[in-house]
Amino acid sequence: MITKKDVELAGKLANMHVSAEEAEIYEGQLRALFGWVKELSSVNTDGVKLTNVNLSAHLRKDEPVCDPALAQQVRSVFTEQEDDCAKVKKVL
């Protein structure tokens, strides 16, 4: 069961300030969402075949691009560099 404390903790983990009023709203919304997920997971789908599935639409061949001119152009956008790499801010 989702509680207001869970919502506040999730807000803290996301580095967001969640007011008491917002926590109450989000608590209700999350309860409804997880209730719906629970309801969906109880549906028996044995024997149901997938239709309209094209997995190749989501896949691409992972090939490195070796274009020194493009690499230099991308590096020129960054003011700080270290070991021939662009230096960016830390993402938490």
C-alpha atoms as a PDB file:
ATOM      1  CA  MET A   1       0.000   0.000   0.000  1.00  0.00           C
ATOM      2  CA  ILE A   2       1.284   3.444  -0.946  1.00  0.00           C
ATOM      3  CA  THR A   3       1.480   5.950   1.889  1.00  0.00           C
ATOM      4  CA  LYS A   4       2.104   9.679   2.073  1.00  0.00           C
ATOM      5  CA  LYS A   5       5.536   8.844   3.500  1.00  0.00           C
ATOM      6  CA  ASP A   6       6.314   6.779   0.371  1.00  0.00           C
ATOM      7  CA  VAL A   7       5.392   9.749  -1.808  1.00  0.00           C
ATOM      8  CA  GLU A   8       7.583  12.078   0.230  1.00  0.00           C
ATOM      9  CA  LEU A   9      10.501   9.624   0.007  1.00  0.00           C
ATOM     10  CA  ALA A  10      10.051   9.282  -3.757  1.00  0.00           C
ATOM     11  CA  GLY A  11      10.067  13.069  -4.027  1.00  0.00           C
ATOM     12  CA  LYS A  12      13.251  13.245  -1.993  1.00  0.00           C
ATOM     13  CA  LEU A  13      14.916  10.586  -4.169  1.00  0.00           C
ATOM     14  CA  ALA A  14      13.904  12.556  -7.269  1.00  0.00           C
ATOM     15  CA  ASN A  15      15.311  15.710  -5.661  1.00  0.00           C
ATOM     16  CA  MET A  16      11.847  17.313  -5.754  1.00  0.00           C
ATOM     17  CA  HIS A  17      10.067  19.249  -3.064  1.00  0.00           C
ATOM     18  CA  VAL A  18       6.643  17.720  -2.495  1.00  0.00           C
ATOM     19  CA  SER A  19       4.260  19.729  -0.349  1.00  0.00           C
ATOM     20  CA  ALA A  20       1.830  18.013   2.029  1.00  0.00           C
ATOM     21  CA  GLU A  21      -1.053  18.812  -0.325  1.00  0.00           C
ATOM     22  CA  GLU A  22       0.804  17.396  -3.323  1.00  0.00           C
ATOM     23  CA  ALA A  23       1.778  14.271  -1.360  1.00  0.00           C
ATOM     24  CA  GLU A  24      -1.883  13.639  -0.605  1.00  0.00           C
ATOM     25  CA  ILE A  25      -2.845  14.031  -4.270  1.00  0.00           C
ATOM     26  CA  TYR A  26       0.036  11.852  -5.501  1.00  0.00           C
ATOM     27  CA  GLU A  27      -0.728   9.208  -2.868  1.00  0.00           C
ATOM     28  CA  GLY A  28      -4.235   8.778  -4.291  1.00  0.00           C
ATOM     29  CA  GLN A  29      -2.985   8.769  -7.859  1.00  0.00           C
ATOM     30  CA  LEU A  30      -0.278   6.196  -7.141  1.00  0.00           C
ATOM     31  CA  ARG A  31      -2.717   3.952  -5.272  1.00  0.00           C
ATOM     32  CA  ALA A  32      -5.043   4.075  -8.286  1.00  0.00           C
ATOM     33  CA  LEU A  33      -2.164   3.376 -10.683  1.00  0.00           C
ATOM     34  CA  PHE A  34      -0.832   0.397  -8.736  1.00  0.00           C
ATOM     35  CA  GLY A  35      -4.383  -0.894  -8.257  1.00  0.00           C
ATOM     36  CA  TRP A  36      -4.852  -0.812 -12.014  1.00  0.00           C
ATOM     37  CA  VAL A  37      -1.527  -2.609 -12.556  1.00  0.00           C
ATOM     38  CA  LYS A  38      -2.575  -5.272 -10.054  1.00  0.00           C
ATOM     39  CA  GLU A  39      -5.906  -5.664 -11.839  1.00  0.00           C
ATOM     40  CA  LEU A  40      -4.175  -6.024 -15.210  1.00  0.00           C
ATOM     41  CA  SER A  41      -1.668  -8.556 -13.884  1.00  0.00           C
ATOM     42  CA  SER A  42      -4.527 -10.786 -12.712  1.00  0.00           C
ATOM     43  CA  VAL A  43      -5.863 -11.177 -16.259  1.00  0.00           C
ATOM     44  CA  ASN A  44      -5.185 -14.622 -17.697  1.00  0.00           C
ATOM     45  CA  THR A  45      -3.412 -14.170 -21.026  1.00  0.00           C
ATOM     46  CA  ASP A  46      -2.493 -17.818 -21.580  1.00  0.00           C
ATOM     47  CA  GLY A  47      -2.952 -18.708 -25.222  1.00  0.00           C
ATOM     48  CA  VAL A  48      -3.186 -15.094 -26.361  1.00  0.00           C
ATOM     49  CA  LYS A  49      -0.906 -14.469 -29.312  1.00  0.00           C
ATOM     50  CA  LEU A  50       0.790 -11.137 -29.845  1.00  0.00           C
ATOM     51  CA  THR A  51      -0.354  -9.244 -32.899  1.00  0.00           C
ATOM     52  CA  ASN A  52       1.133  -6.304 -34.725  1.00  0.00           C
ATOM     53  CA  VAL A  53       4.545  -6.863 -33.175  1.00  0.00           C
ATOM     54  CA  ASN A  54       7.474  -5.672 -35.224  1.00  0.00           C
ATOM     55  CA  LEU A  55      10.521  -5.982 -32.985  1.00  0.00           C
ATOM     56  CA  SER A  56      12.836  -4.910 -35.775  1.00  0.00           C
ATOM     57  CA  ALA A  57      11.279  -1.446 -35.616  1.00  0.00           C
ATOM     58  CA  HIS A  58      12.905  -1.024 -32.203  1.00  0.00           C
ATOM     59  CA  LEU A  59      16.303  -2.391 -33.079  1.00  0.00           C
ATOM     60  CA  ARG A  60      19.172  -0.920 -34.971  1.00  0.00           C
ATOM     61  CA  LYS A  61      22.620  -2.157 -35.710  1.00  0.00           C
ATOM     62  CA  ASP A  62      25.052  -0.608 -33.243  1.00  0.00           C
ATOM     63  CA  GLU A  63      27.924   0.639 -35.338  1.00  0.00           C
ATOM     64  CA  PRO A  64      30.475   3.168 -34.137  1.00  0.00           C
ATOM     65  CA  VAL A  65      30.823   6.300 -36.222  1.00  0.00           C
ATOM     66  CA  CYS A  66      34.392   7.267 -36.959  1.00  0.00           C
ATOM     67  CA  ASP A  67      34.238  10.774 -38.333  1.00  0.00           C
ATOM     68  CA  PRO A  68      37.077  12.945 -36.986  1.00  0.00           C
ATOM     69  CA  ALA A  69      35.521  16.142 -38.364  1.00  0.00           C
ATOM     70  CA  LEU A  70      32.225  15.423 -36.634  1.00  0.00           C
ATOM     71  CA  ALA A  71      34.035  14.523 -33.417  1.00  0.00           C
ATOM     72  CA  GLN A  72      35.917  17.830 -33.488  1.00  0.00           C
ATOM     73  CA  GLN A  73      32.696  19.727 -34.173  1.00  0.00           C
ATOM     74  CA  VAL A  74      30.990  18.097 -31.194  1.00  0.00           C
ATOM     75  CA  ARG A  75      34.015  18.726 -28.935  1.00  0.00           C
ATOM     76  CA  SER A  76      34.115  22.395 -29.934  1.00  0.00           C
ATOM     77  CA  VAL A  77      30.729  22.951 -28.290  1.00  0.00           C
ATOM     78  CA  PHE A  78      32.120  22.000 -24.869  1.00  0.00           C
ATOM     79  CA  THR A  79      34.294  24.579 -23.156  1.00  0.00           C
ATOM     80  CA  GLU A  80      35.934  22.064 -20.816  1.00  0.00           C
ATOM     81  CA  GLN A  81      37.736  18.958 -21.983  1.00  0.00           C
ATOM     82  CA  GLU A  82      39.779  16.280 -20.293  1.00  0.00           C
ATOM     83  CA  ASP A  83      41.751  13.451 -21.923  1.00  0.00           C
ATOM     84  CA  ASP A  84      40.325  14.382 -25.344  1.00  0.00           C
ATOM     85  CA  CYS A  85      36.772  14.001 -23.987  1.00  0.00           C
ATOM     86  CA  ALA A  86      34.081  16.581 -23.357  1.00  0.00           C
ATOM     87  CA  LYS A  87      33.717  17.357 -19.666  1.00  0.00           C
ATOM     88  CA  VAL A  88      30.087  17.651 -18.570  1.00  0.00           C
ATOM     89  CA  LYS A  89      28.297  18.326 -15.310  1.00  0.00           C
ATOM     90  CA  LYS A  90      27.663  15.413 -13.006  1.00  0.00           C
ATOM     91  CA  VAL A  91      24.181  13.937 -13.369  1.00  0.00           C
ATOM     92  CA  LEU A  92      22.634  12.620 -10.188  1.00  0.00           C
END
